[in-house]
Amino acid sequence: MTAAPVAILLISPTSTEVEEMMSVIKKAFGPDPLIEFCFNQPNVPHPPKEESIAKHLERIGPILGVATWYWVEDPYTAKQNIPWGDPPPGVNMPCYEASLGALRRWRANYFSEQGKPFAYMALLTIVPEVQRKGVGSALLREGLKKDVDRRGLPAFIEASPAGLGLYKKFGWEEMVESTVNLRDYGGEDVECVTVGLVRHAGEKETSKGQPDV
């Protein structure tokens, strides 16, 4: 596919922009079995939309499209290592702890041992209609250039197997993997894999054999 021209605008989000971002997230992840099973349990009340938007505005700071970075200045601080805060109501905690929680704990241990600041890219979502047209690459390239590489920081991200090609293109290395079958937690017989990747300081973008997203 031909890459579409992408313009990056660094903004401080408004309530309307956060609401749009949340809509993009929902569309991009779609019927992901792990996300649905962990975070969308039936018959559990969820906070009002306005409350969720207010929390996003409080937490996320400037965003690049729908890309959210956290700068963890002190890797020994548990709160900074879990920037999203505690899981919201409705989360299937046993499944979460075995999957995403396992990667969270690995990240905290790994960077505490390093003892240096790092960047945590907690979110990258692209509207399905424009995936594989260079939008994800543009967001990553801009975020890495402006802050991560400028400060000489390592970076961490969690990804599904489908996203590995994009992140490896930008120098991320597979470090840890969690695999859960939802049937073990009361769901359907679906195996879900999530990979934790680290991009060491000074890594460069490559282009061989990697998809443009």
N, C-alpha and C. Protein backbone atom coordinates (compact mmCIF):
# COMPACT_ATOMS: atom_id res chain seq x y z
N MET A 1 0.83 -1.19 0.00
CA MET A 1 0.00 0.00 0.00
C MET A 1 0.87 1.25 0.00
N THR A 2 0.37 2.30 -0.62
CA THR A 2 1.10 3.56 -0.65
C THR A 2 0.89 4.32 0.65
N ALA A 3 1.97 4.80 1.22
CA ALA A 3 1.87 5.55 2.47
C ALA A 3 1.16 6.88 2.23
N ALA A 4 0.24 7.19 3.13
CA ALA A 4 -0.48 8.46 3.02
C ALA A 4 0.33 9.56 3.70
N PRO A 5 0.24 10.82 3.20
CA PRO A 5 0.92 11.92 3.90
C PRO A 5 0.31 12.10 5.28
N VAL A 6 1.16 12.23 6.28
CA VAL A 6 0.69 12.35 7.67
C VAL A 6 1.29 13.61 8.28
N ALA A 7 0.43 14.44 8.86
CA ALA A 7 0.89 15.62 9.58
C ALA A 7 0.73 15.37 11.07
N ILE A 8 1.78 15.66 11.85
CA ILE A 8 1.76 15.45 13.28
C ILE A 8 1.53 16.79 13.97
N LEU A 9 0.55 16.84 14.85
CA LEU A 9 0.25 18.06 15.59
C LEU A 9 0.30 17.75 17.08
N LEU A 10 1.22 18.39 17.80
CA LEU A 10 1.34 18.22 19.23
C LEU A 10 0.33 19.13 19.91
N ILE A 11 -0.58 18.52 20.70
CA ILE A 11 -1.67 19.30 21.27
C ILE A 11 -1.83 19.00 22.75
N SER A 12 -2.46 19.94 23.45
CA SER A 12 -2.97 19.68 24.77
C SER A 12 -4.46 19.40 24.59
N PRO A 13 -4.91 18.19 24.88
CA PRO A 13 -6.25 17.78 24.48
C PRO A 13 -7.37 18.48 25.23
N THR A 14 -8.47 18.69 24.53
CA THR A 14 -9.70 19.17 25.13
C THR A 14 -10.61 17.97 25.41
N SER A 15 -11.74 18.21 26.07
CA SER A 15 -12.68 17.13 26.35
C SER A 15 -13.16 16.47 25.06
N THR A 16 -13.43 17.30 24.05
CA THR A 16 -13.91 16.76 22.77
C THR A 16 -12.86 15.88 22.12
N GLU A 17 -11.60 16.31 22.17
CA GLU A 17 -10.53 15.54 21.55
C GLU A 17 -10.29 14.22 22.29
N VAL A 18 -10.41 14.24 23.61
CA VAL A 18 -10.26 13.00 24.37
C VAL A 18 -11.39 12.03 24.04
N GLU A 19 -12.60 12.56 23.88
CA GLU A 19 -13.73 11.71 23.52
C GLU A 19 -13.50 11.07 22.15
N GLU A 20 -12.97 11.86 21.22
CA GLU A 20 -12.65 11.32 19.90
C GLU A 20 -11.56 10.26 20.00
N MET A 21 -10.56 10.50 20.85
CA MET A 21 -9.48 9.55 21.05
C MET A 21 -10.03 8.23 21.57
N MET A 22 -10.95 8.30 22.55
CA MET A 22 -11.54 7.09 23.11
C MET A 22 -12.32 6.33 22.05
N SER A 23 -12.95 7.04 21.13
CA SER A 23 -13.67 6.39 20.04
C SER A 23 -12.71 5.67 19.10
N VAL A 24 -11.56 6.31 18.81
CA VAL A 24 -10.55 5.68 17.96
C VAL A 24 -10.02 4.41 18.61
N ILE A 25 -9.77 4.47 19.92
CA ILE A 25 -9.27 3.31 20.65
C ILE A 25 -10.24 2.14 20.51
N LYS A 26 -11.53 2.43 20.70
CA LYS A 26 -12.55 1.39 20.63
C LYS A 26 -12.59 0.76 19.24
N LYS A 27 -12.51 1.60 18.19
CA LYS A 27 -12.54 1.09 16.83
C LYS A 27 -11.29 0.30 16.50
N ALA A 28 -10.14 0.79 16.95
CA ALA A 28 -8.87 0.17 16.59
C ALA A 28 -8.71 -1.19 17.21
N PHE A 29 -9.04 -1.32 18.50
CA PHE A 29 -8.89 -2.60 19.16
C PHE A 29 -10.00 -3.56 18.77
N GLY A 30 -11.17 -3.04 18.43
CA GLY A 30 -12.28 -3.87 17.95
C GLY A 30 -12.56 -5.02 18.89
N PRO A 31 -12.93 -6.16 18.33
CA PRO A 31 -13.28 -7.31 19.16
C PRO A 31 -12.06 -8.10 19.61
N ASP A 32 -11.10 -7.44 20.25
CA ASP A 32 -9.92 -8.13 20.75
C ASP A 32 -10.33 -8.97 21.96
N PRO A 33 -10.16 -10.29 21.93
CA PRO A 33 -10.70 -11.13 22.99
C PRO A 33 -10.11 -10.87 24.36
N LEU A 34 -8.79 -10.57 24.43
CA LEU A 34 -8.18 -10.33 25.73
C LEU A 34 -8.68 -9.03 26.33
N ILE A 35 -8.73 -7.95 25.53
CA ILE A 35 -9.19 -6.66 26.03
C ILE A 35 -10.65 -6.75 26.46
N GLU A 36 -11.48 -7.39 25.62
CA GLU A 36 -12.89 -7.51 25.96
C GLU A 36 -13.09 -8.31 27.23
N PHE A 37 -12.35 -9.41 27.36
CA PHE A 37 -12.54 -10.29 28.51
C PHE A 37 -12.03 -9.66 29.80
N CYS A 38 -10.89 -8.95 29.72
CA CYS A 38 -10.32 -8.34 30.93
C CYS A 38 -11.06 -7.08 31.35
N PHE A 39 -11.47 -6.25 30.38
CA PHE A 39 -11.93 -4.91 30.73
C PHE A 39 -13.42 -4.67 30.52
N ASN A 40 -14.14 -5.59 29.90
CA ASN A 40 -15.55 -5.34 29.61
C ASN A 40 -16.43 -6.48 30.12
N GLN A 41 -16.31 -6.76 31.41
CA GLN A 41 -17.13 -7.80 32.00
C GLN A 41 -18.60 -7.36 31.99
N PRO A 42 -19.51 -8.29 31.67
CA PRO A 42 -20.93 -7.93 31.62
C PRO A 42 -21.49 -7.69 33.02
N ASN A 43 -22.54 -6.89 33.05
CA ASN A 43 -23.29 -6.63 34.29
C ASN A 43 -22.46 -5.95 35.37
N VAL A 44 -21.42 -5.23 34.96
CA VAL A 44 -20.61 -4.45 35.91
C VAL A 44 -20.73 -2.98 35.53
N PRO A 45 -21.17 -2.13 36.46
CA PRO A 45 -21.34 -0.71 36.12
C PRO A 45 -20.01 -0.03 35.81
N HIS A 46 -20.00 0.80 34.78
CA HIS A 46 -18.81 1.54 34.41
C HIS A 46 -19.01 3.02 34.74
N PRO A 47 -17.95 3.73 35.00
CA PRO A 47 -18.10 5.16 35.32
C PRO A 47 -18.68 5.92 34.13
N PRO A 48 -19.39 7.02 34.38
CA PRO A 48 -19.95 7.82 33.28
C PRO A 48 -18.86 8.29 32.32
N LYS A 49 -19.25 8.49 31.07
CA LYS A 49 -18.30 8.93 30.05
C LYS A 49 -17.58 10.19 30.46
N GLU A 50 -18.30 11.13 31.07
CA GLU A 50 -17.68 12.39 31.47
C GLU A 50 -16.58 12.18 32.49
N GLU A 51 -16.79 11.21 33.38
CA GLU A 51 -15.77 10.92 34.39
C GLU A 51 -14.52 10.32 33.75
N SER A 52 -14.72 9.42 32.78
CA SER A 52 -13.59 8.82 32.08
C SER A 52 -12.79 9.88 31.31
N ILE A 53 -13.51 10.81 30.67
CA ILE A 53 -12.84 11.87 29.93
C ILE A 53 -12.02 12.75 30.87
N ALA A 54 -12.60 13.07 32.03
CA ALA A 54 -11.89 13.91 33.00
C ALA A 54 -10.61 13.24 33.47
N LYS A 55 -10.65 11.91 33.66
CA LYS A 55 -9.46 11.20 34.11
C LYS A 55 -8.39 11.19 33.02
N HIS A 56 -8.82 11.03 31.76
CA HIS A 56 -7.86 11.08 30.66
C HIS A 56 -7.19 12.46 30.60
N LEU A 57 -7.97 13.51 30.72
CA LEU A 57 -7.41 14.85 30.67
C LEU A 57 -6.40 15.07 31.79
N GLU A 58 -6.68 14.48 32.94
CA GLU A 58 -5.79 14.63 34.09
C GLU A 58 -4.49 13.88 33.90
N ARG A 59 -4.55 12.73 33.19
CA ARG A 59 -3.40 11.83 33.14
C ARG A 59 -2.52 11.98 31.91
N ILE A 60 -3.14 12.13 30.73
CA ILE A 60 -2.36 11.86 29.54
C ILE A 60 -1.46 13.00 29.07
N GLY A 61 -1.78 14.24 29.40
CA GLY A 61 -0.95 15.34 28.93
C GLY A 61 -0.98 15.44 27.41
N PRO A 62 0.06 16.01 26.82
CA PRO A 62 0.07 16.16 25.36
C PRO A 62 0.03 14.79 24.66
N ILE A 63 -0.69 14.74 23.54
CA ILE A 63 -0.76 13.50 22.78
C ILE A 63 -0.37 13.74 21.33
N LEU A 64 0.14 12.72 20.70
CA LEU A 64 0.46 12.75 19.27
C LEU A 64 -0.57 11.88 18.59
N GLY A 65 -1.62 12.52 18.08
CA GLY A 65 -2.71 11.73 17.52
C GLY A 65 -3.29 10.89 18.63
N VAL A 66 -3.24 9.58 18.49
CA VAL A 66 -3.63 8.68 19.57
C VAL A 66 -2.40 7.84 19.92
N ALA A 67 -1.40 8.52 20.43
CA ALA A 67 -0.19 7.87 20.93
C ALA A 67 0.09 8.50 22.28
N THR A 68 0.20 7.67 23.31
CA THR A 68 0.40 8.18 24.67
C THR A 68 1.73 7.67 25.23
N TRP A 69 2.60 8.62 25.58
CA TRP A 69 3.90 8.31 26.15
C TRP A 69 3.93 8.76 27.60
N TYR A 70 4.62 7.99 28.42
CA TYR A 70 4.90 8.40 29.80
C TYR A 70 6.41 8.44 29.99
N TRP A 71 6.87 9.47 30.69
CA TRP A 71 8.29 9.57 31.01
C TRP A 71 8.44 9.15 32.48
N VAL A 72 9.04 8.02 32.71
CA VAL A 72 9.22 7.50 34.07
C VAL A 72 10.58 7.96 34.55
N GLU A 73 10.59 9.06 35.28
CA GLU A 73 11.85 9.63 35.75
C GLU A 73 12.47 8.79 36.86
N ASP A 74 11.64 8.20 37.69
CA ASP A 74 12.14 7.41 38.81
C ASP A 74 11.59 5.99 38.69
N PRO A 75 12.38 5.04 38.18
CA PRO A 75 11.87 3.68 37.98
C PRO A 75 11.57 2.95 39.27
N TYR A 76 11.99 3.51 40.41
CA TYR A 76 11.71 2.86 41.69
C TYR A 76 10.33 3.21 42.23
N THR A 77 9.66 4.18 41.59
CA THR A 77 8.36 4.63 42.07
C THR A 77 7.27 3.79 41.42
N ALA A 78 6.53 3.06 42.25
CA ALA A 78 5.49 2.17 41.73
C ALA A 78 4.44 2.94 40.95
N LYS A 79 4.06 4.12 41.42
CA LYS A 79 3.02 4.90 40.74
C LYS A 79 3.44 5.27 39.33
N GLN A 80 4.71 5.62 39.14
CA GLN A 80 5.17 5.96 37.80
C GLN A 80 5.26 4.73 36.91
N ASN A 81 5.54 3.58 37.48
CA ASN A 81 5.63 2.37 36.69
C ASN A 81 4.26 1.85 36.27
N ILE A 82 3.20 2.35 36.91
CA ILE A 82 1.83 1.99 36.53
C ILE A 82 1.07 3.29 36.28
N PRO A 83 1.41 4.02 35.21
CA PRO A 83 0.86 5.37 35.04
C PRO A 83 -0.64 5.42 34.83
N TRP A 84 -1.24 4.32 34.35
CA TRP A 84 -2.68 4.33 34.15
C TRP A 84 -3.44 4.22 35.45
N GLY A 85 -2.74 3.93 36.54
CA GLY A 85 -3.42 3.74 37.82
C GLY A 85 -3.97 2.34 37.96
N ASP A 86 -4.76 2.11 39.00
CA ASP A 86 -5.34 0.80 39.23
C ASP A 86 -6.36 0.47 38.14
N PRO A 87 -6.54 -0.81 37.84
CA PRO A 87 -7.55 -1.21 36.84
C PRO A 87 -8.93 -0.70 37.23
N PRO A 88 -9.73 -0.28 36.26
CA PRO A 88 -11.06 0.26 36.55
C PRO A 88 -12.05 -0.84 36.91
N PRO A 89 -13.25 -0.47 37.37
CA PRO A 89 -14.27 -1.47 37.68
C PRO A 89 -14.59 -2.33 36.45
N GLY A 90 -14.90 -3.59 36.71
CA GLY A 90 -15.26 -4.48 35.62
C GLY A 90 -14.13 -5.31 35.06
N VAL A 91 -12.88 -5.09 35.55
CA VAL A 91 -11.75 -5.85 35.04
C VAL A 91 -11.76 -7.26 35.62
N ASN A 92 -11.51 -8.24 34.79
CA ASN A 92 -11.32 -9.61 35.25
C ASN A 92 -9.90 -9.70 35.80
N MET A 93 -9.76 -9.51 37.10
CA MET A 93 -8.45 -9.38 37.70
C MET A 93 -7.56 -10.61 37.55
N PRO A 94 -8.06 -11.84 37.74
CA PRO A 94 -7.18 -12.99 37.54
C PRO A 94 -6.58 -13.05 36.13
N CYS A 95 -7.41 -12.77 35.13
CA CYS A 95 -6.92 -12.77 33.75
C CYS A 95 -5.95 -11.62 33.52
N TYR A 96 -6.31 -10.45 34.02
CA TYR A 96 -5.44 -9.27 33.87
C TYR A 96 -4.08 -9.51 34.50
N GLU A 97 -4.06 -10.03 35.73
CA GLU A 97 -2.79 -10.24 36.44
C GLU A 97 -1.92 -11.27 35.73
N ALA A 98 -2.55 -12.27 35.10
CA ALA A 98 -1.78 -13.29 34.40
C ALA A 98 -1.25 -12.82 33.06
N SER A 99 -1.83 -11.79 32.50
CA SER A 99 -1.44 -11.33 31.16
C SER A 99 -0.75 -9.97 31.23
N LEU A 100 -1.53 -8.91 31.19
CA LEU A 100 -0.96 -7.57 31.21
C LEU A 100 -0.28 -7.27 32.54
N GLY A 101 -0.81 -7.80 33.64
CA GLY A 101 -0.19 -7.58 34.94
C GLY A 101 1.19 -8.20 35.01
N ALA A 102 1.37 -9.36 34.37
CA ALA A 102 2.68 -10.00 34.36
C ALA A 102 3.71 -9.13 33.65
N LEU A 103 3.31 -8.50 32.55
CA LEU A 103 4.22 -7.61 31.83
C LEU A 103 4.50 -6.35 32.64
N ARG A 104 3.49 -5.86 33.34
CA ARG A 104 3.68 -4.69 34.20
C ARG A 104 4.73 -4.97 35.27
N ARG A 105 4.64 -6.14 35.90
CA ARG A 105 5.61 -6.50 36.94
C ARG A 105 7.01 -6.68 36.35
N TRP A 106 7.08 -7.29 35.17
CA TRP A 106 8.39 -7.47 34.53
C TRP A 106 9.01 -6.10 34.23
N ARG A 107 8.20 -5.18 33.71
CA ARG A 107 8.69 -3.84 33.39
C ARG A 107 9.24 -3.14 34.63
N ALA A 108 8.48 -3.22 35.72
CA ALA A 108 8.92 -2.57 36.95
C ALA A 108 10.25 -3.14 37.44
N ASN A 109 10.38 -4.47 37.41
CA ASN A 109 11.62 -5.10 37.87
C ASN A 109 12.79 -4.78 36.95
N TYR A 110 12.54 -4.84 35.64
CA TYR A 110 13.62 -4.63 34.68
C TYR A 110 14.19 -3.22 34.79
N PHE A 111 13.34 -2.22 34.79
CA PHE A 111 13.83 -0.85 34.80
C PHE A 111 14.29 -0.40 36.18
N SER A 112 13.81 -1.05 37.23
CA SER A 112 14.35 -0.76 38.56
C SER A 112 15.80 -1.24 38.64
N GLU A 113 16.07 -2.40 38.03
CA GLU A 113 17.44 -2.90 38.00
C GLU A 113 18.34 -2.00 37.17
N GLN A 114 17.78 -1.42 36.10
CA GLN A 114 18.57 -0.49 35.28
C GLN A 114 18.86 0.79 36.04
N GLY A 115 17.90 1.22 36.86
CA GLY A 115 18.09 2.40 37.70
C GLY A 115 18.15 3.71 36.96
N LYS A 116 17.55 3.75 35.75
CA LYS A 116 17.60 4.98 34.96
C LYS A 116 16.20 5.31 34.45
N PRO A 117 15.94 6.57 34.12
CA PRO A 117 14.64 6.93 33.53
C PRO A 117 14.39 6.18 32.23
N PHE A 118 13.12 6.00 31.89
CA PHE A 118 12.79 5.37 30.63
C PHE A 118 11.46 5.91 30.12
N ALA A 119 11.18 5.65 28.85
CA ALA A 119 9.91 6.05 28.25
C ALA A 119 9.02 4.82 28.14
N TYR A 120 7.76 5.01 28.51
CA TYR A 120 6.78 3.92 28.40
C TYR A 120 5.70 4.36 27.43
N MET A 121 5.67 3.72 26.27
CA MET A 121 4.61 4.01 25.31
C MET A 121 3.44 3.11 25.64
N ALA A 122 2.43 3.68 26.30
CA ALA A 122 1.32 2.89 26.82
C ALA A 122 0.22 2.69 25.81
N LEU A 123 0.23 3.47 24.72
CA LEU A 123 -0.89 3.39 23.79
C LEU A 123 -0.49 3.86 22.41
N LEU A 124 -0.83 3.08 21.41
CA LEU A 124 -0.73 3.48 20.00
C LEU A 124 -1.88 2.82 19.27
N THR A 125 -2.84 3.61 18.82
CA THR A 125 -3.99 3.06 18.10
C THR A 125 -4.22 3.85 16.83
N ILE A 126 -4.57 3.13 15.79
CA ILE A 126 -4.80 3.72 14.49
C ILE A 126 -6.19 3.30 14.00
N VAL A 127 -6.95 4.25 13.50
CA VAL A 127 -8.27 3.93 12.94
C VAL A 127 -8.10 2.86 11.86
N PRO A 128 -8.91 1.79 11.89
CA PRO A 128 -8.72 0.69 10.93
C PRO A 128 -8.69 1.14 9.48
N GLU A 129 -9.48 2.15 9.12
CA GLU A 129 -9.55 2.59 7.72
C GLU A 129 -8.22 3.12 7.20
N VAL A 130 -7.32 3.56 8.08
CA VAL A 130 -6.05 4.14 7.61
C VAL A 130 -4.86 3.35 8.12
N GLN A 131 -5.08 2.14 8.60
CA GLN A 131 -3.95 1.31 9.01
C GLN A 131 -3.13 0.89 7.80
N ARG A 132 -1.86 0.68 8.04
CA ARG A 132 -0.89 0.27 7.01
C ARG A 132 -0.72 1.32 5.92
N LYS A 133 -0.88 2.57 6.31
CA LYS A 133 -0.62 3.67 5.37
C LYS A 133 0.38 4.66 5.95
N GLY A 134 1.13 4.25 6.95
CA GLY A 134 2.20 5.08 7.47
C GLY A 134 1.85 5.93 8.67
N VAL A 135 0.62 5.85 9.16
CA VAL A 135 0.21 6.69 10.29
C VAL A 135 0.94 6.27 11.56
N GLY A 136 0.93 4.95 11.86
CA GLY A 136 1.62 4.48 13.05
C GLY A 136 3.11 4.77 13.00
N SER A 137 3.71 4.57 11.84
CA SER A 137 5.14 4.87 11.69
C SER A 137 5.42 6.34 11.94
N ALA A 138 4.54 7.21 11.43
CA ALA A 138 4.74 8.65 11.61
C ALA A 138 4.65 9.04 13.08
N LEU A 139 3.68 8.46 13.79
CA LEU A 139 3.53 8.76 15.21
C LEU A 139 4.74 8.29 16.00
N LEU A 140 5.20 7.07 15.73
CA LEU A 140 6.37 6.56 16.42
C LEU A 140 7.61 7.39 16.11
N ARG A 141 7.80 7.69 14.85
CA ARG A 141 8.99 8.43 14.43
C ARG A 141 9.05 9.79 15.11
N GLU A 142 7.91 10.48 15.17
CA GLU A 142 7.87 11.81 15.77
C GLU A 142 8.12 11.75 17.27
N GLY A 143 7.46 10.80 17.95
CA GLY A 143 7.64 10.69 19.39
C GLY A 143 9.06 10.31 19.77
N LEU A 144 9.64 9.38 19.04
CA LEU A 144 11.01 8.96 19.34
C LEU A 144 12.00 10.07 19.08
N LYS A 145 11.82 10.79 17.98
CA LYS A 145 12.77 11.84 17.62
C LYS A 145 12.74 13.00 18.59
N LYS A 146 11.53 13.43 18.96
CA LYS A 146 11.41 14.65 19.74
C LYS A 146 11.83 14.49 21.20
N ASP A 147 11.62 13.32 21.77
CA ASP A 147 11.88 13.17 23.20
C ASP A 147 12.73 11.96 23.56
N VAL A 148 12.36 10.78 23.08
CA VAL A 148 13.06 9.57 23.51
C VAL A 148 14.53 9.61 23.09
N ASP A 149 14.79 9.81 21.80
CA ASP A 149 16.17 9.84 21.33
C ASP A 149 16.90 11.09 21.76
N ARG A 150 16.18 12.20 21.82
CA ARG A 150 16.82 13.45 22.26
C ARG A 150 17.36 13.32 23.68
N ARG A 151 16.65 12.60 24.53
CA ARG A 151 17.08 12.42 25.91
C ARG A 151 17.92 11.16 26.11
N GLY A 152 18.06 10.36 25.07
CA GLY A 152 18.84 9.13 25.18
C GLY A 152 18.20 8.10 26.08
N LEU A 153 16.88 7.95 25.99
CA LEU A 153 16.16 7.05 26.89
C LEU A 153 15.90 5.69 26.24
N PRO A 154 15.89 4.63 27.03
CA PRO A 154 15.31 3.38 26.56
C PRO A 154 13.79 3.50 26.60
N ALA A 155 13.09 2.58 25.95
CA ALA A 155 11.63 2.66 25.90
C ALA A 155 11.03 1.26 25.99
N PHE A 156 9.79 1.22 26.49
CA PHE A 156 9.08 -0.04 26.65
C PHE A 156 7.70 0.07 26.03
N ILE A 157 7.21 -1.05 25.50
CA ILE A 157 5.86 -1.11 24.98
C ILE A 157 5.35 -2.54 25.07
N GLU A 158 4.02 -2.69 25.26
CA GLU A 158 3.38 -4.00 25.15
C GLU A 158 2.70 -4.07 23.79
N ALA A 159 2.75 -5.23 23.14
CA ALA A 159 2.18 -5.34 21.80
C ALA A 159 1.59 -6.72 21.58
N SER A 160 0.62 -6.76 20.68
CA SER A 160 0.13 -8.04 20.20
C SER A 160 1.08 -8.54 19.12
N PRO A 161 1.06 -9.83 18.80
CA PRO A 161 1.94 -10.32 17.74
C PRO A 161 1.77 -9.57 16.42
N ALA A 162 0.55 -9.07 16.15
CA ALA A 162 0.31 -8.36 14.89
C ALA A 162 1.11 -7.07 14.80
N GLY A 163 1.48 -6.46 15.93
CA GLY A 163 2.19 -5.19 15.90
C GLY A 163 3.69 -5.32 15.97
N LEU A 164 4.22 -6.54 16.06
CA LEU A 164 5.66 -6.69 16.28
C LEU A 164 6.49 -6.14 15.13
N GLY A 165 6.03 -6.31 13.90
CA GLY A 165 6.81 -5.84 12.76
C GLY A 165 7.06 -4.35 12.82
N LEU A 166 6.03 -3.58 13.20
CA LEU A 166 6.17 -2.13 13.28
C LEU A 166 7.19 -1.75 14.34
N TYR A 167 7.09 -2.34 15.52
CA TYR A 167 7.98 -1.93 16.61
C TYR A 167 9.42 -2.37 16.37
N LYS A 168 9.58 -3.55 15.78
CA LYS A 168 10.94 -3.99 15.46
C LYS A 168 11.58 -3.08 14.42
N LYS A 169 10.76 -2.53 13.53
CA LYS A 169 11.26 -1.58 12.54
C LYS A 169 11.93 -0.39 13.20
N PHE A 170 11.44 -0.03 14.38
CA PHE A 170 11.98 1.13 15.09
C PHE A 170 12.94 0.74 16.21
N GLY A 171 13.39 -0.51 16.22
CA GLY A 171 14.47 -0.90 17.12
C GLY A 171 14.05 -1.57 18.41
N TRP A 172 12.74 -1.86 18.57
CA TRP A 172 12.32 -2.56 19.78
C TRP A 172 12.72 -4.04 19.68
N GLU A 173 13.03 -4.63 20.83
CA GLU A 173 13.44 -6.03 20.92
C GLU A 173 12.48 -6.78 21.84
N GLU A 174 12.05 -7.97 21.40
CA GLU A 174 11.18 -8.79 22.24
C GLU A 174 11.95 -9.24 23.49
N MET A 175 11.33 -9.01 24.66
CA MET A 175 11.99 -9.33 25.92
C MET A 175 11.21 -10.32 26.77
N VAL A 176 9.89 -10.22 26.75
CA VAL A 176 9.06 -11.05 27.62
C VAL A 176 7.72 -11.28 26.94
N GLU A 177 7.09 -12.39 27.24
CA GLU A 177 5.82 -12.73 26.60
C GLU A 177 4.88 -13.35 27.63
N SER A 178 3.62 -12.96 27.56
CA SER A 178 2.60 -13.61 28.39
C SER A 178 1.57 -14.25 27.47
N THR A 179 1.16 -15.46 27.84
CA THR A 179 0.15 -16.19 27.07
C THR A 179 -0.92 -16.70 28.02
N VAL A 180 -2.16 -16.37 27.74
CA VAL A 180 -3.27 -16.87 28.55
C VAL A 180 -4.33 -17.45 27.64
N ASN A 181 -5.03 -18.45 28.14
CA ASN A 181 -6.20 -18.96 27.45
C ASN A 181 -7.42 -18.52 28.24
N LEU A 182 -8.34 -17.83 27.61
CA LEU A 182 -9.47 -17.24 28.31
C LEU A 182 -10.36 -18.29 28.99
N ARG A 183 -10.30 -19.53 28.52
CA ARG A 183 -11.12 -20.57 29.15
C ARG A 183 -10.69 -20.82 30.59
N ASP A 184 -9.41 -20.53 30.90
CA ASP A 184 -8.91 -20.73 32.26
C ASP A 184 -9.49 -19.71 33.23
N TYR A 185 -10.14 -18.69 32.70
CA TYR A 185 -10.68 -17.63 33.55
C TYR A 185 -12.18 -17.44 33.33
N GLY A 186 -12.81 -18.50 32.81
CA GLY A 186 -14.25 -18.47 32.63
C GLY A 186 -14.72 -18.02 31.27
N GLY A 187 -13.80 -17.84 30.31
CA GLY A 187 -14.16 -17.38 28.97
C GLY A 187 -14.13 -18.50 27.95
N GLU A 188 -14.08 -18.12 26.69
CA GLU A 188 -14.03 -19.09 25.60
C GLU A 188 -12.61 -19.62 25.42
N ASP A 189 -12.49 -20.66 24.62
CA ASP A 189 -11.19 -21.29 24.36
C ASP A 189 -10.42 -20.46 23.33
N VAL A 190 -9.85 -19.35 23.80
CA VAL A 190 -9.10 -18.43 22.94
C VAL A 190 -7.75 -18.14 23.60
N GLU A 191 -6.67 -18.41 22.89
CA GLU A 191 -5.33 -18.12 23.42
C GLU A 191 -4.90 -16.72 23.01
N CYS A 192 -4.44 -15.94 23.96
CA CYS A 192 -4.05 -14.55 23.71
C CYS A 192 -2.60 -14.35 24.13
N VAL A 193 -1.83 -13.77 23.23
CA VAL A 193 -0.40 -13.53 23.47
C VAL A 193 -0.15 -12.03 23.49
N THR A 194 0.60 -11.58 24.49
CA THR A 194 1.02 -10.19 24.56
C THR A 194 2.53 -10.17 24.79
N VAL A 195 3.22 -9.32 24.07
CA VAL A 195 4.69 -9.28 24.10
C VAL A 195 5.16 -7.95 24.67
N GLY A 196 6.13 -8.01 25.57
CA GLY A 196 6.78 -6.81 26.08
C GLY A 196 8.08 -6.58 25.35
N LEU A 197 8.27 -5.37 24.82
CA LEU A 197 9.46 -5.05 24.04
C LEU A 197 10.20 -3.87 24.64
N VAL A 198 11.51 -3.91 24.55
CA VAL A 198 12.36 -2.81 25.00
C VAL A 198 13.14 -2.27 23.82
N ARG A 199 13.16 -0.96 23.72
CA ARG A 199 13.99 -0.29 22.72
C ARG A 199 15.14 0.36 23.48
N HIS A 200 16.33 -0.17 23.29
CA HIS A 200 17.48 0.34 24.01
C HIS A 200 17.87 1.72 23.47
N ALA A 201 18.43 2.53 24.32
CA ALA A 201 18.83 3.88 23.92
C ALA A 201 19.78 3.82 22.73
N GLY A 202 19.52 4.67 21.75
CA GLY A 202 20.40 4.76 20.59
C GLY A 202 20.03 3.87 19.43
N GLU A 203 18.96 3.07 19.56
CA GLU A 203 18.54 2.23 18.44
C GLU A 203 18.03 3.10 17.28
N LYS A 204 18.18 2.58 16.08
CA LYS A 204 17.78 3.33 14.88
C LYS A 204 16.66 2.62 14.13
N GLU A 205 15.94 3.38 13.34
CA GLU A 205 14.88 2.83 12.50
C GLU A 205 15.49 2.06 11.34
N THR A 206 14.88 0.93 11.00
CA THR A 206 15.28 0.16 9.84
C THR A 206 14.10 0.06 8.89
N SER A 207 14.30 -0.46 7.71
CA SER A 207 13.20 -0.55 6.74
C SER A 207 13.11 -1.91 6.07
N LYS A 208 14.01 -2.83 6.39
CA LYS A 208 14.04 -4.10 5.66
C LYS A 208 12.93 -5.05 6.14
N GLY A 209 12.04 -5.36 5.22
CA GLY A 209 11.07 -6.41 5.46
C GLY A 209 10.02 -6.11 6.51
N GLN A 210 9.87 -4.85 6.90
CA GLN A 210 8.91 -4.54 7.94
C GLN A 210 7.73 -3.78 7.36
N PRO A 211 6.52 -4.06 7.83
CA PRO A 211 5.33 -3.39 7.28
C PRO A 211 5.23 -1.96 7.74
N ASP A 212 4.65 -1.12 6.88
CA ASP A 212 4.37 0.26 7.25
C ASP A 212 2.95 0.31 7.81
N VAL A 213 2.79 0.87 9.00
CA VAL A 213 1.50 0.82 9.68
C VAL A 213 0.96 2.23 9.89
